[in-house]
Amino acid sequence: MREIERIKESVKKGKIASVYLWHGEDRFLIQEGLQVLKSFYFMTDPSGSGIEVLDPKELSPAEIVERANTMSFFANRLVVVDEVTYFQDGQTADLEPFIEYIANPNPSTCLLFIAENVHRGRKFYKAIDRAEAGEILEFSAPKRPQDWLAWVQLELKARGKSMEARTTSQFIEWAGHQTGVLSQELDKLVIFVGDRTKITMEDVETITIQTIEASIFDLLDAVAIRSATKAIKKLHEVLREEHPLKVLTLMVRQVRLLLGCDALRKRGGNVADVPSALGIRPYEAQKVWQQSSRLSTKQLSKGLAECLNTDLAMKTGGGDPGFLLEMMIVRFCGEEVS
């Protein structure tokens, strides 16, 4: 069950944990869950006076426990401690007040800790994990392509809409791999299609803005088949939205990643080695790995040299940046410039 669904179920049943730890890098999903949890407290107090957000940099653990133990005029309270570092190595705060509180929490208060990173071996983490009144939820973005597809399908279902698998895949490629951005783009599509339940490829192409990263992938796909015409057409589309220097920077990054995959493949590595070797996420690793198989080592080496030469030309006034990028693409494709 998705974390958000678990929270909704808890709110529906009125069974809120006394102590929560929510952690993960996906801030959008955490905020989505927090809004659902807050709805439970707004039901009894529409003013929201029973909800308190605390800064752990300003209050000690003992002071936070004191706030959690404070009684309220209303029956239930939510105390949120955001951006905590208590679960990381190197933290020096005295956490014993929390350990004692978890053993005997205030039944009228939900104490919620929100952290980006946690160390599961820390005493505080284990105390929440083992506590009868504690619950830990991890909010992480999908990693594999099939996980992203499943996530979007769930979001569509919640909105009463549907997409074919091919359309969903294209939508993700265009909009990028950020849950917050995808959610906003889905909301735009829902408004656009109105009462119609099925969202089509035409709808996505009309409404969804293609990210620059996706455009760079398309541009290099055109380079792979040595089609300067297609590559330059894609370049012009990108330059309508982005500064030439940013486009070049992303091109350099992409070519370096492709060279990294090429080197891994020659050493007998596979796609599973890419995330740790190149420091990128699994979904991006799969795309880069596949694209690297369509470009030769010679093409990639030549492409990187062209990128660096173009970068130098841009920074030394060697010509119009857009034109320099066009010339670079033509040479990258291996075609003569007339």
C-alpha atoms as a PDB file:
ATOM      1  CA  MET A   1       0.000   0.000   0.000  1.00  0.00           C
ATOM      2  CA  ARG A   2       1.309   3.460  -0.874  1.00  0.00           C
ATOM      3  CA  GLU A   3       2.209   5.660   2.082  1.00  0.00           C
ATOM      4  CA  ILE A   4      -0.528   8.149   1.216  1.00  0.00           C
ATOM      5  CA  GLU A   5      -3.107   5.349   1.188  1.00  0.00           C
ATOM      6  CA  ARG A   6      -1.967   4.155   4.621  1.00  0.00           C
ATOM      7  CA  ILE A   7      -2.378   7.664   5.983  1.00  0.00           C
ATOM      8  CA  LYS A   8      -5.831   8.004   4.412  1.00  0.00           C
ATOM      9  CA  GLU A   9      -6.844   4.670   5.964  1.00  0.00           C
ATOM     10  CA  SER A  10      -5.605   5.810   9.394  1.00  0.00           C
ATOM     11  CA  VAL A  11      -7.532   9.082   9.102  1.00  0.00           C
ATOM     12  CA  LYS A  12     -10.674   7.265   7.946  1.00  0.00           C
ATOM     13  CA  LYS A  13     -10.531   4.897  10.919  1.00  0.00           C
ATOM     14  CA  GLY A  14      -9.416   7.607  13.321  1.00  0.00           C
ATOM     15  CA  LYS A  15      -6.410   5.521  14.312  1.00  0.00           C
ATOM     16  CA  ILE A  16      -3.505   7.958  14.244  1.00  0.00           C
ATOM     17  CA  ALA A  17      -0.135   6.840  15.601  1.00  0.00           C
ATOM     18  CA  SER A  18       1.098   8.666  18.675  1.00  0.00           C
ATOM     19  CA  VAL A  19       4.576   8.981  17.150  1.00  0.00           C
ATOM     20  CA  TYR A  20       5.395   9.047  13.434  1.00  0.00           C
ATOM     21  CA  LEU A  21       8.671   9.173  11.561  1.00  0.00           C
ATOM     22  CA  TRP A  22       8.240  10.112   7.904  1.00  0.00           C
ATOM     23  CA  HIS A  23      11.413  10.129   5.847  1.00  0.00           C
ATOM     24  CA  GLY A  24      12.524  10.179   2.229  1.00  0.00           C
ATOM     25  CA  GLU A  25      13.808  12.441  -0.523  1.00  0.00           C
ATOM     26  CA  ASP A  26      10.429  13.059  -2.147  1.00  0.00           C
ATOM     27  CA  ARG A  27       9.201  16.218  -0.467  1.00  0.00           C
ATOM     28  CA  PHE A  28       6.071  16.384  -2.602  1.00  0.00           C
ATOM     29  CA  LEU A  29       4.829  13.015  -1.384  1.00  0.00           C
ATOM     30  CA  ILE A  30       5.543  13.969   2.229  1.00  0.00           C
ATOM     31  CA  GLN A  31       3.594  17.229   1.873  1.00  0.00           C
ATOM     32  CA  GLU A  32       0.741  15.328   0.245  1.00  0.00           C
ATOM     33  CA  GLY A  33       0.646  12.964   3.214  1.00  0.00           C
ATOM     34  CA  LEU A  34       0.834  15.848   5.683  1.00  0.00           C
ATOM     35  CA  GLN A  35      -2.230  17.518   4.136  1.00  0.00           C
ATOM     36  CA  VAL A  36      -4.182  14.277   4.545  1.00  0.00           C
ATOM     37  CA  LEU A  37      -3.075  13.913   8.170  1.00  0.00           C
ATOM     38  CA  LYS A  38      -3.963  17.525   8.941  1.00  0.00           C
ATOM     39  CA  SER A  39      -7.497  16.924   7.638  1.00  0.00           C
ATOM     40  CA  PHE A  40      -8.116  14.688  10.661  1.00  0.00           C
ATOM     41  CA  TYR A  41      -7.412  17.606  13.015  1.00  0.00           C
ATOM     42  CA  PHE A  42      -9.346  20.140  10.960  1.00  0.00           C
ATOM     43  CA  MET A  43     -12.464  18.009  11.417  1.00  0.00           C
ATOM     44  CA  THR A  44     -12.556  18.806  15.144  1.00  0.00           C
ATOM     45  CA  ASP A  45     -10.912  22.228  14.926  1.00  0.00           C
ATOM     46  CA  PRO A  46     -11.383  24.049  11.602  1.00  0.00           C
ATOM     47  CA  SER A  47      -9.117  26.848  12.848  1.00  0.00           C
ATOM     48  CA  GLY A  48      -6.130  24.504  12.938  1.00  0.00           C
ATOM     49  CA  SER A  49      -5.102  25.699  16.403  1.00  0.00           C
ATOM     50  CA  GLY A  50      -4.367  22.118  17.395  1.00  0.00           C
ATOM     51  CA  ILE A  51      -1.627  21.858  14.754  1.00  0.00           C
ATOM     52  CA  GLU A  52       1.861  23.090  15.633  1.00  0.00           C
ATOM     53  CA  VAL A  53       5.006  23.019  13.476  1.00  0.00           C
ATOM     54  CA  LEU A  54       8.305  23.155  15.362  1.00  0.00           C
ATOM     55  CA  ASP A  55      11.844  23.912  14.197  1.00  0.00           C
ATOM     56  CA  PRO A  56      14.339  21.448  15.745  1.00  0.00           C
ATOM     57  CA  LYS A  57      17.121  24.000  15.276  1.00  0.00           C
ATOM     58  CA  GLU A  58      15.358  26.375  17.664  1.00  0.00           C
ATOM     59  CA  LEU A  59      14.036  23.928  20.270  1.00  0.00           C
ATOM     60  CA  SER A  60      15.811  21.176  22.187  1.00  0.00           C
ATOM     61  CA  PRO A  61      14.375  17.642  22.374  1.00  0.00           C
ATOM     62  CA  ALA A  62      13.301  18.332  25.967  1.00  0.00           C
ATOM     63  CA  GLU A  63      11.392  21.454  24.878  1.00  0.00           C
ATOM     64  CA  ILE A  64       9.736  19.583  22.008  1.00  0.00           C
ATOM     65  CA  VAL A  65       8.614  16.837  24.409  1.00  0.00           C
ATOM     66  CA  GLU A  66       7.182  19.533  26.677  1.00  0.00           C
ATOM     67  CA  ARG A  67       5.144  20.881  23.742  1.00  0.00           C
ATOM     68  CA  ALA A  68       3.936  17.362  22.897  1.00  0.00           C
ATOM     69  CA  ASN A  69       2.788  16.854  26.486  1.00  0.00           C
ATOM     70  CA  THR A  70       0.896  20.156  26.549  1.00  0.00           C
ATOM     71  CA  MET A  71      -2.857  19.664  26.810  1.00  0.00           C
ATOM     72  CA  SER A  72      -5.185  21.478  24.440  1.00  0.00           C
ATOM     73  CA  PHE A  73      -8.764  22.778  24.651  1.00  0.00           C
ATOM     74  CA  PHE A  74      -9.472  20.494  21.710  1.00  0.00           C
ATOM     75  CA  ALA A  75      -9.164  16.732  22.123  1.00  0.00           C
ATOM     76  CA  ASN A  76      -6.434  16.100  19.572  1.00  0.00           C
ATOM     77  CA  ARG A  77      -3.147  17.805  18.686  1.00  0.00           C
ATOM     78  CA  LEU A  78      -0.621  17.377  15.894  1.00  0.00           C
ATOM     79  CA  VAL A  79       2.954  18.433  16.605  1.00  0.00           C
ATOM     80  CA  VAL A  80       5.176  18.404  13.512  1.00  0.00           C
ATOM     81  CA  VAL A  81       8.960  18.513  13.875  1.00  0.00           C
ATOM     82  CA  ASP A  82      10.241  19.210  10.375  1.00  0.00           C
ATOM     83  CA  GLU A  83      13.682  18.808   8.759  1.00  0.00           C
ATOM     84  CA  VAL A  84      15.122  16.829  11.653  1.00  0.00           C
ATOM     85  CA  THR A  85      18.670  15.458  11.629  1.00  0.00           C
ATOM     86  CA  TYR A  86      18.272  13.296  14.745  1.00  0.00           C
ATOM     87  CA  PHE A  87      18.518  10.097  12.709  1.00  0.00           C
ATOM     88  CA  GLN A  88      21.825  10.894  11.007  1.00  0.00           C
ATOM     89  CA  ASP A  89      25.391  10.174  12.026  1.00  0.00           C
ATOM     90  CA  GLY A  90      27.176  13.030  13.741  1.00  0.00           C
ATOM     91  CA  GLN A  91      24.183  14.601  15.477  1.00  0.00           C
ATOM     92  CA  THR A  92      24.952  15.631  19.063  1.00  0.00           C
ATOM     93  CA  ALA A  93      21.560  16.481  20.616  1.00  0.00           C
ATOM     94  CA  ASP A  94      20.499  14.649  23.789  1.00  0.00           C
ATOM     95  CA  LEU A  95      17.690  12.428  22.479  1.00  0.00           C
ATOM     96  CA  GLU A  96      16.870  10.686  25.757  1.00  0.00           C
ATOM     97  CA  PRO A  97      13.777  12.885  26.300  1.00  0.00           C
ATOM     98  CA  PHE A  98      12.391  11.471  23.036  1.00  0.00           C
ATOM     99  CA  ILE A  99      13.227   7.881  24.014  1.00  0.00           C
ATOM    100  CA  GLU A 100      11.375   8.340  27.310  1.00  0.00           C
ATOM    101  CA  TYR A 101       8.428  10.039  25.608  1.00  0.00           C
ATOM    102  CA  ILE A 102       8.022   7.268  23.027  1.00  0.00           C
ATOM    103  CA  ALA A 103       7.686   4.741  25.859  1.00  0.00           C
ATOM    104  CA  ASN A 104       4.757   6.722  27.296  1.00  0.00           C
ATOM    105  CA  PRO A 105       3.418   9.237  24.737  1.00  0.00           C
ATOM    106  CA  ASN A 106       0.617  11.723  25.287  1.00  0.00           C
ATOM    107  CA  PRO A 107      -2.462   9.883  23.885  1.00  0.00           C
ATOM    108  CA  SER A 108      -4.038  13.150  22.720  1.00  0.00           C
ATOM    109  CA  THR A 109      -0.980  14.194  20.666  1.00  0.00           C
ATOM    110  CA  CYS A 110       0.480  12.911  17.421  1.00  0.00           C
ATOM    111  CA  LEU A 111       4.199  13.746  17.357  1.00  0.00           C
ATOM    112  CA  LEU A 112       5.426  13.653  13.771  1.00  0.00           C
ATOM    113  CA  PHE A 113       9.116  13.760  12.842  1.00  0.00           C
ATOM    114  CA  ILE A 114       9.967  14.539   9.195  1.00  0.00           C
ATOM    115  CA  ALA A 115      13.483  13.768   7.923  1.00  0.00           C
ATOM    116  CA  GLU A 116      15.106  13.515   4.530  1.00  0.00           C
ATOM    117  CA  ASN A 117      17.752  10.959   5.522  1.00  0.00           C
ATOM    118  CA  VAL A 118      17.816   8.401   8.328  1.00  0.00           C
ATOM    119  CA  HIS A 119      20.244   5.863   9.727  1.00  0.00           C
ATOM    120  CA  ARG A 120      18.224   2.786  10.608  1.00  0.00           C
ATOM    121  CA  GLY A 121      20.821   1.655  13.109  1.00  0.00           C
ATOM    122  CA  ARG A 122      20.398   4.626  15.421  1.00  0.00           C
ATOM    123  CA  LYS A 123      18.818   4.085  18.841  1.00  0.00           C
ATOM    124  CA  PHE A 124      16.143   6.735  18.242  1.00  0.00           C
ATOM    125  CA  TYR A 125      15.056   5.128  14.957  1.00  0.00           C
ATOM    126  CA  LYS A 126      14.840   1.701  16.564  1.00  0.00           C
ATOM    127  CA  ALA A 127      12.850   3.122  19.480  1.00  0.00           C
ATOM    128  CA  ILE A 128      10.134   4.422  17.145  1.00  0.00           C
ATOM    129  CA  ASP A 129      10.231   1.275  15.022  1.00  0.00           C
ATOM    130  CA  ARG A 130       9.732  -0.985  18.050  1.00  0.00           C
ATOM    131  CA  ALA A 131       7.238   1.179  19.903  1.00  0.00           C
ATOM    132  CA  GLU A 132       3.645  -0.003  19.942  1.00  0.00           C
ATOM    133  CA  ALA A 133       2.498   3.585  19.428  1.00  0.00           C
ATOM    134  CA  GLY A 134       5.091   4.345  16.724  1.00  0.00           C
ATOM    135  CA  GLU A 135       4.996   4.074  12.942  1.00  0.00           C
ATOM    136  CA  ILE A 136       7.648   4.740  10.281  1.00  0.00           C
ATOM    137  CA  LEU A 137       6.810   5.605   6.671  1.00  0.00           C
ATOM    138  CA  GLU A 138       9.325   6.063   3.860  1.00  0.00           C
ATOM    139  CA  PHE A 139       8.412   8.469   1.068  1.00  0.00           C
ATOM    140  CA  SER A 140      10.589   7.708  -1.931  1.00  0.00           C
ATOM    141  CA  ALA A 141       9.943   8.402  -5.580  1.00  0.00           C
ATOM    142  CA  PRO A 142       9.526   5.407  -7.899  1.00  0.00           C
ATOM    143  CA  LYS A 143      12.815   4.032  -9.207  1.00  0.00           C
ATOM    144  CA  ARG A 144      12.140   1.569 -12.031  1.00  0.00           C
ATOM    145  CA  PRO A 145      10.186   2.500 -15.187  1.00  0.00           C
ATOM    146  CA  GLN A 146       7.380   0.104 -14.256  1.00  0.00           C
ATOM    147  CA  ASP A 147       7.123   1.750 -10.830  1.00  0.00           C
ATOM    148  CA  TRP A 148       6.710   5.178 -12.448  1.00  0.00           C
ATOM    149  CA  LEU A 149       4.010   3.794 -14.731  1.00  0.00           C
ATOM    150  CA  ALA A 150       2.187   2.289 -11.743  1.00  0.00           C
ATOM    151  CA  TRP A 151       2.452   5.552  -9.796  1.00  0.00           C
ATOM    152  CA  VAL A 152       0.960   7.627 -12.625  1.00  0.00           C
ATOM    153  CA  GLN A 153      -1.816   5.073 -13.117  1.00  0.00           C
ATOM    154  CA  LEU A 154      -2.747   5.370  -9.435  1.00  0.00           C
ATOM    155  CA  GLU A 155      -2.761   9.155  -9.685  1.00  0.00           C
ATOM    156  CA  LEU A 156      -4.993   8.936 -12.764  1.00  0.00           C
ATOM    157  CA  LYS A 157      -7.378   6.593 -10.978  1.00  0.00           C
ATOM    158  CA  ALA A 158      -7.626   9.012  -8.062  1.00  0.00           C
ATOM    159  CA  ARG A 159      -8.622  11.718 -10.560  1.00  0.00           C
ATOM    160  CA  GLY A 160     -11.131   9.488 -12.351  1.00  0.00           C
ATOM    161  CA  LYS A 161      -9.094   9.397 -15.559  1.00  0.00           C
ATOM    162  CA  SER A 162      -7.138   6.810 -17.553  1.00  0.00           C
ATOM    163  CA  MET A 163      -4.309   6.567 -20.105  1.00  0.00           C
ATOM    164  CA  GLU A 164      -3.055   3.759 -22.270  1.00  0.00           C
ATOM    165  CA  ALA A 165       0.328   2.379 -21.195  1.00  0.00           C
ATOM    166  CA  ARG A 166       2.096   3.848 -24.241  1.00  0.00           C
ATOM    167  CA  THR A 167       0.607   7.287 -23.565  1.00  0.00           C
ATOM    168  CA  THR A 168       1.556   7.070 -19.886  1.00  0.00           C
ATOM    169  CA  SER A 169       5.135   6.217 -20.788  1.00  0.00           C
ATOM    170  CA  GLN A 170       5.336   9.153 -23.207  1.00  0.00           C
ATOM    171  CA  PHE A 171       3.820  11.470 -20.612  1.00  0.00           C
ATOM    172  CA  ILE A 172       6.498  10.514 -18.063  1.00  0.00           C
ATOM    173  CA  GLU A 173       9.270  10.938 -20.618  1.00  0.00           C
ATOM    174  CA  TRP A 174       8.022  14.403 -21.526  1.00  0.00           C
ATOM    175  CA  ALA A 175       7.192  15.720 -18.061  1.00  0.00           C
ATOM    176  CA  GLY A 176      10.182  14.227 -16.256  1.00  0.00           C
ATOM    177  CA  HIS A 177      10.670  12.084 -13.178  1.00  0.00           C
ATOM    178  CA  GLN A 178       9.517  14.367 -10.362  1.00  0.00           C
ATOM    179  CA  THR A 179       6.293  13.425  -8.580  1.00  0.00           C
ATOM    180  CA  GLY A 180       5.346  17.040  -7.890  1.00  0.00           C
ATOM    181  CA  VAL A 181       5.760  18.096 -11.526  1.00  0.00           C
ATOM    182  CA  LEU A 182       3.921  15.020 -12.805  1.00  0.00           C
ATOM    183  CA  SER A 183       1.045  15.680 -10.419  1.00  0.00           C
ATOM    184  CA  GLN A 184       0.732  19.277 -11.623  1.00  0.00           C
ATOM    185  CA  GLU A 185       0.828  18.182 -15.264  1.00  0.00           C
ATOM    186  CA  LEU A 186      -1.880  15.591 -14.578  1.00  0.00           C
ATOM    187  CA  ASP A 187      -4.043  18.303 -13.001  1.00  0.00           C
ATOM    188  CA  LYS A 188      -3.636  20.393 -16.166  1.00  0.00           C
ATOM    189  CA  LEU A 189      -4.602  17.439 -18.344  1.00  0.00           C
ATOM    190  CA  VAL A 190      -7.669  16.726 -16.198  1.00  0.00           C
ATOM    191  CA  ILE A 191      -8.886  20.299 -16.670  1.00  0.00           C
ATOM    192  CA  PHE A 192      -8.134  20.152 -20.398  1.00  0.00           C
ATOM    193  CA  VAL A 193     -10.088  16.940 -21.133  1.00  0.00           C
ATOM    194  CA  GLY A 194     -13.058  17.946 -18.968  1.00  0.00           C
ATOM    195  CA  ASP A 195     -15.677  15.203 -18.658  1.00  0.00           C
ATOM    196  CA  ARG A 196     -13.800  12.849 -20.966  1.00  0.00           C
ATOM    197  CA  THR A 197     -12.313   9.991 -18.913  1.00  0.00           C
ATOM    198  CA  LYS A 198      -9.539   8.866 -21.278  1.00  0.00           C
ATOM    199  CA  ILE A 199      -6.478  11.058 -21.804  1.00  0.00           C
ATOM    200  CA  THR A 200      -4.944  10.554 -25.246  1.00  0.00           C
ATOM    201  CA  MET A 201      -1.493  11.009 -26.724  1.00  0.00           C
ATOM    202  CA  GLU A 202      -2.796  14.097 -28.530  1.00  0.00           C
ATOM    203  CA  ASP A 203      -3.828  15.593 -25.185  1.00  0.00           C
ATOM    204  CA  VAL A 204      -0.358  15.005 -23.741  1.00  0.00           C
ATOM    205  CA  GLU A 205       1.358  16.520 -26.782  1.00  0.00           C
ATOM    206  CA  THR A 206      -0.937  19.564 -26.608  1.00  0.00           C
ATOM    207  CA  ILE A 207      -0.724  20.300 -22.883  1.00  0.00           C
ATOM    208  CA  THR A 208       2.417  18.741 -21.420  1.00  0.00           C
ATOM    209  CA  ILE A 209       5.655  20.685 -21.743  1.00  0.00           C
ATOM    210  CA  GLN A 210       8.629  18.512 -22.636  1.00  0.00           C
ATOM    211  CA  THR A 211      11.523  18.910 -20.206  1.00  0.00           C
ATOM    212  CA  ILE A 212      14.870  20.012 -21.554  1.00  0.00           C
ATOM    213  CA  GLU A 213      16.410  16.719 -20.385  1.00  0.00           C
ATOM    214  CA  ALA A 214      13.902  14.766 -22.486  1.00  0.00           C
ATOM    215  CA  SER A 215      14.603  17.035 -25.441  1.00  0.00           C
ATOM    216  CA  ILE A 216      18.355  16.414 -25.115  1.00  0.00           C
ATOM    217  CA  PHE A 217      17.679  12.668 -25.232  1.00  0.00           C
ATOM    218  CA  ASP A 218      15.641  13.120 -28.428  1.00  0.00           C
ATOM    219  CA  LEU A 219      18.356  15.308 -29.918  1.00  0.00           C
ATOM    220  CA  LEU A 220      21.018  12.658 -29.280  1.00  0.00           C
ATOM    221  CA  ASP A 221      18.747   9.957 -30.687  1.00  0.00           C
ATOM    222  CA  ALA A 222      18.726  11.946 -33.928  1.00  0.00           C
ATOM    223  CA  VAL A 223      22.517  12.214 -33.742  1.00  0.00           C
ATOM    224  CA  ALA A 224      22.720   8.426 -33.290  1.00  0.00           C
ATOM    225  CA  ILE A 225      21.071   7.886 -36.679  1.00  0.00           C
ATOM    226  CA  ARG A 226      23.205  10.699 -38.135  1.00  0.00           C
ATOM    227  CA  SER A 227      20.203  12.853 -38.985  1.00  0.00           C
ATOM    228  CA  ALA A 228      21.446  16.433 -38.739  1.00  0.00           C
ATOM    229  CA  THR A 229      18.053  17.677 -39.981  1.00  0.00           C
ATOM    230  CA  LYS A 230      16.129  16.043 -37.122  1.00  0.00           C
ATOM    231  CA  ALA A 231      18.767  16.958 -34.565  1.00  0.00           C
ATOM    232  CA  ILE A 232      18.792  20.647 -35.555  1.00  0.00           C
ATOM    233  CA  LYS A 233      14.987  20.742 -35.564  1.00  0.00           C
ATOM    234  CA  LYS A 234      15.012  19.420 -31.989  1.00  0.00           C
ATOM    235  CA  LEU A 235      17.771  21.893 -31.090  1.00  0.00           C
ATOM    236  CA  HIS A 236      15.637  24.803 -32.314  1.00  0.00           C
ATOM    237  CA  GLU A 237      12.735  23.576 -30.145  1.00  0.00           C
ATOM    238  CA  VAL A 238      14.987  23.471 -27.093  1.00  0.00           C
ATOM    239  CA  LEU A 239      16.522  26.895 -27.782  1.00  0.00           C
ATOM    240  CA  ARG A 240      13.065  28.467 -27.826  1.00  0.00           C
ATOM    241  CA  GLU A 241      12.836  27.596 -24.127  1.00  0.00           C
ATOM    242  CA  GLU A 242      16.408  27.538 -22.833  1.00  0.00           C
ATOM    243  CA  HIS A 243      19.636  29.559 -23.042  1.00  0.00           C
ATOM    244  CA  PRO A 244      22.267  28.061 -25.392  1.00  0.00           C
ATOM    245  CA  LEU A 245      24.817  27.741 -22.582  1.00  0.00           C
ATOM    246  CA  LYS A 246      22.422  25.654 -20.482  1.00  0.00           C
ATOM    247  CA  VAL A 247      21.690  23.449 -23.488  1.00  0.00           C
ATOM    248  CA  LEU A 248      25.414  22.929 -24.046  1.00  0.00           C
ATOM    249  CA  THR A 249      25.982  22.159 -20.356  1.00  0.00           C
ATOM    250  CA  LEU A 250      23.330  19.434 -20.473  1.00  0.00           C
ATOM    251  CA  MET A 251      24.768  18.107 -23.723  1.00  0.00           C
ATOM    252  CA  VAL A 252      28.213  17.789 -22.116  1.00  0.00           C
ATOM    253  CA  ARG A 253      26.727  15.992 -19.095  1.00  0.00           C
ATOM    254  CA  GLN A 254      24.770  13.614 -21.298  1.00  0.00           C
ATOM    255  CA  VAL A 255      27.714  12.738 -23.533  1.00  0.00           C
ATOM    256  CA  ARG A 256      29.892  12.077 -20.475  1.00  0.00           C
ATOM    257  CA  LEU A 257      27.247   9.754 -19.053  1.00  0.00           C
ATOM    258  CA  LEU A 258      27.044   7.941 -22.387  1.00  0.00           C
ATOM    259  CA  LEU A 259      30.829   7.540 -22.444  1.00  0.00           C
ATOM    260  CA  GLY A 260      30.650   6.173 -18.907  1.00  0.00           C
ATOM    261  CA  CYS A 261      28.081   3.569 -19.972  1.00  0.00           C
ATOM    262  CA  ASP A 262      30.192   2.720 -23.005  1.00  0.00           C
ATOM    263  CA  ALA A 263      33.220   2.095 -20.792  1.00  0.00           C
ATOM    264  CA  LEU A 264      31.170  -0.033 -18.370  1.00  0.00           C
ATOM    265  CA  ARG A 265      29.829  -2.138 -21.226  1.00  0.00           C
ATOM    266  CA  LYS A 266      33.345  -2.782 -22.521  1.00  0.00           C
ATOM    267  CA  ARG A 267      34.429  -3.932 -19.033  1.00  0.00           C
ATOM    268  CA  GLY A 268      31.585  -6.427 -18.938  1.00  0.00           C
ATOM    269  CA  GLY A 269      29.307  -4.344 -16.744  1.00  0.00           C
ATOM    270  CA  ASN A 270      25.543  -4.046 -17.097  1.00  0.00           C
ATOM    271  CA  VAL A 271      22.791  -1.539 -16.491  1.00  0.00           C
ATOM    272  CA  ALA A 272      22.591  -2.453 -12.791  1.00  0.00           C
ATOM    273  CA  ASP A 273      26.117  -1.061 -12.330  1.00  0.00           C
ATOM    274  CA  VAL A 274      25.294   2.348 -13.809  1.00  0.00           C
ATOM    275  CA  PRO A 275      23.590   4.169 -10.869  1.00  0.00           C
ATOM    276  CA  SER A 276      26.477   3.629  -8.442  1.00  0.00           C
ATOM    277  CA  ALA A 277      29.210   4.016 -11.067  1.00  0.00           C
ATOM    278  CA  LEU A 278      27.865   7.263 -12.563  1.00  0.00           C
ATOM    279  CA  GLY A 279      25.929   8.681  -9.601  1.00  0.00           C
ATOM    280  CA  ILE A 280      22.534   8.790 -11.309  1.00  0.00           C
ATOM    281  CA  ARG A 281      19.129   7.342 -10.460  1.00  0.00           C
ATOM    282  CA  PRO A 282      17.968   3.972 -11.796  1.00  0.00           C
ATOM    283  CA  TYR A 283      15.348   5.344 -14.207  1.00  0.00           C
ATOM    284  CA  GLU A 284      17.923   7.647 -15.821  1.00  0.00           C
ATOM    285  CA  ALA A 285      20.491   4.857 -15.857  1.00  0.00           C
ATOM    286  CA  GLN A 286      18.261   2.645 -17.981  1.00  0.00           C
ATOM    287  CA  LYS A 287      17.652   5.404 -20.522  1.00  0.00           C
ATOM    288  CA  VAL A 288      21.322   6.346 -20.766  1.00  0.00           C
ATOM    289  CA  TRP A 289      22.399   2.694 -21.033  1.00  0.00           C
ATOM    290  CA  GLN A 290      20.005   2.079 -23.909  1.00  0.00           C
ATOM    291  CA  GLN A 291      21.041   5.242 -25.725  1.00  0.00           C
ATOM    292  CA  SER A 292      24.744   4.497 -25.327  1.00  0.00           C
ATOM    293  CA  SER A 293      24.293   1.281 -27.291  1.00  0.00           C
ATOM    294  CA  ARG A 294      23.226   3.324 -30.314  1.00  0.00           C
ATOM    295  CA  LEU A 295      26.328   5.519 -30.373  1.00  0.00           C
ATOM    296  CA  SER A 296      29.869   4.318 -30.999  1.00  0.00           C
ATOM    297  CA  THR A 297      32.841   5.166 -28.820  1.00  0.00           C
ATOM    298  CA  LYS A 298      34.234   7.178 -31.723  1.00  0.00           C
ATOM    299  CA  GLN A 299      30.996   9.176 -32.066  1.00  0.00           C
ATOM    300  CA  LEU A 300      30.866   9.892 -28.348  1.00  0.00           C
ATOM    301  CA  SER A 301      34.516  10.922 -28.107  1.00  0.00           C
ATOM    302  CA  LYS A 302      34.085  13.182 -31.127  1.00  0.00           C
ATOM    303  CA  GLY A 303      30.888  14.584 -29.626  1.00  0.00           C
ATOM    304  CA  LEU A 304      32.570  15.442 -26.315  1.00  0.00           C
ATOM    305  CA  ALA A 305      35.427  17.169 -28.157  1.00  0.00           C
ATOM    306  CA  GLU A 306      32.901  19.164 -30.208  1.00  0.00           C
ATOM    307  CA  CYS A 307      31.030  20.163 -27.030  1.00  0.00           C
ATOM    308  CA  LEU A 308      34.218  21.413 -25.359  1.00  0.00           C
ATOM    309  CA  ASN A 309      35.314  23.311 -28.469  1.00  0.00           C
ATOM    310  CA  THR A 310      31.888  24.936 -28.711  1.00  0.00           C
ATOM    311  CA  ASP A 311      31.987  25.851 -25.019  1.00  0.00           C
ATOM    312  CA  LEU A 312      35.316  27.613 -25.570  1.00  0.00           C
ATOM    313  CA  ALA A 313      33.980  29.411 -28.640  1.00  0.00           C
ATOM    314  CA  MET A 314      30.907  30.628 -26.751  1.00  0.00           C
ATOM    315  CA  LYS A 315      32.966  31.969 -23.878  1.00  0.00           C
ATOM    316  CA  THR A 316      35.484  33.752 -26.106  1.00  0.00           C
ATOM    317  CA  GLY A 317      33.026  35.425 -28.456  1.00  0.00           C
ATOM    318  CA  GLY A 318      33.506  32.987 -31.300  1.00  0.00           C
ATOM    319  CA  GLY A 319      30.095  33.625 -32.825  1.00  0.00           C
ATOM    320  CA  ASP A 320      26.357  33.500 -32.203  1.00  0.00           C
ATOM    321  CA  PRO A 321      25.726  30.790 -29.535  1.00  0.00           C
ATOM    322  CA  GLY A 322      22.750  29.299 -31.370  1.00  0.00           C
ATOM    323  CA  PHE A 323      24.690  29.053 -34.620  1.00  0.00           C
ATOM    324  CA  LEU A 324      27.686  27.525 -32.805  1.00  0.00           C
ATOM    325  CA  LEU A 325      25.412  24.823 -31.397  1.00  0.00           C
ATOM    326  CA  GLU A 326      24.010  24.109 -34.864  1.00  0.00           C
ATOM    327  CA  MET A 327      27.525  23.727 -36.293  1.00  0.00           C
ATOM    328  CA  MET A 328      28.424  21.438 -33.404  1.00  0.00           C
ATOM    329  CA  ILE A 329      25.401  19.210 -34.057  1.00  0.00           C
ATOM    330  CA  VAL A 330      26.185  18.951 -37.768  1.00  0.00           C
ATOM    331  CA  ARG A 331      29.780  17.925 -37.039  1.00  0.00           C
ATOM    332  CA  PHE A 332      28.581  15.541 -34.325  1.00  0.00           C
ATOM    333  CA  CYS A 333      26.370  13.855 -36.926  1.00  0.00           C
ATOM    334  CA  GLY A 334      29.424  13.431 -39.140  1.00  0.00           C
ATOM    335  CA  GLU A 335      28.053  15.454 -42.046  1.00  0.00           C
ATOM    336  CA  GLU A 336      30.007  18.078 -43.960  1.00  0.00           C
ATOM    337  CA  VAL A 337      29.121  21.719 -43.523  1.00  0.00           C
ATOM    338  CA  SER A 338      28.620  23.556 -46.806  1.00  0.00           C
END
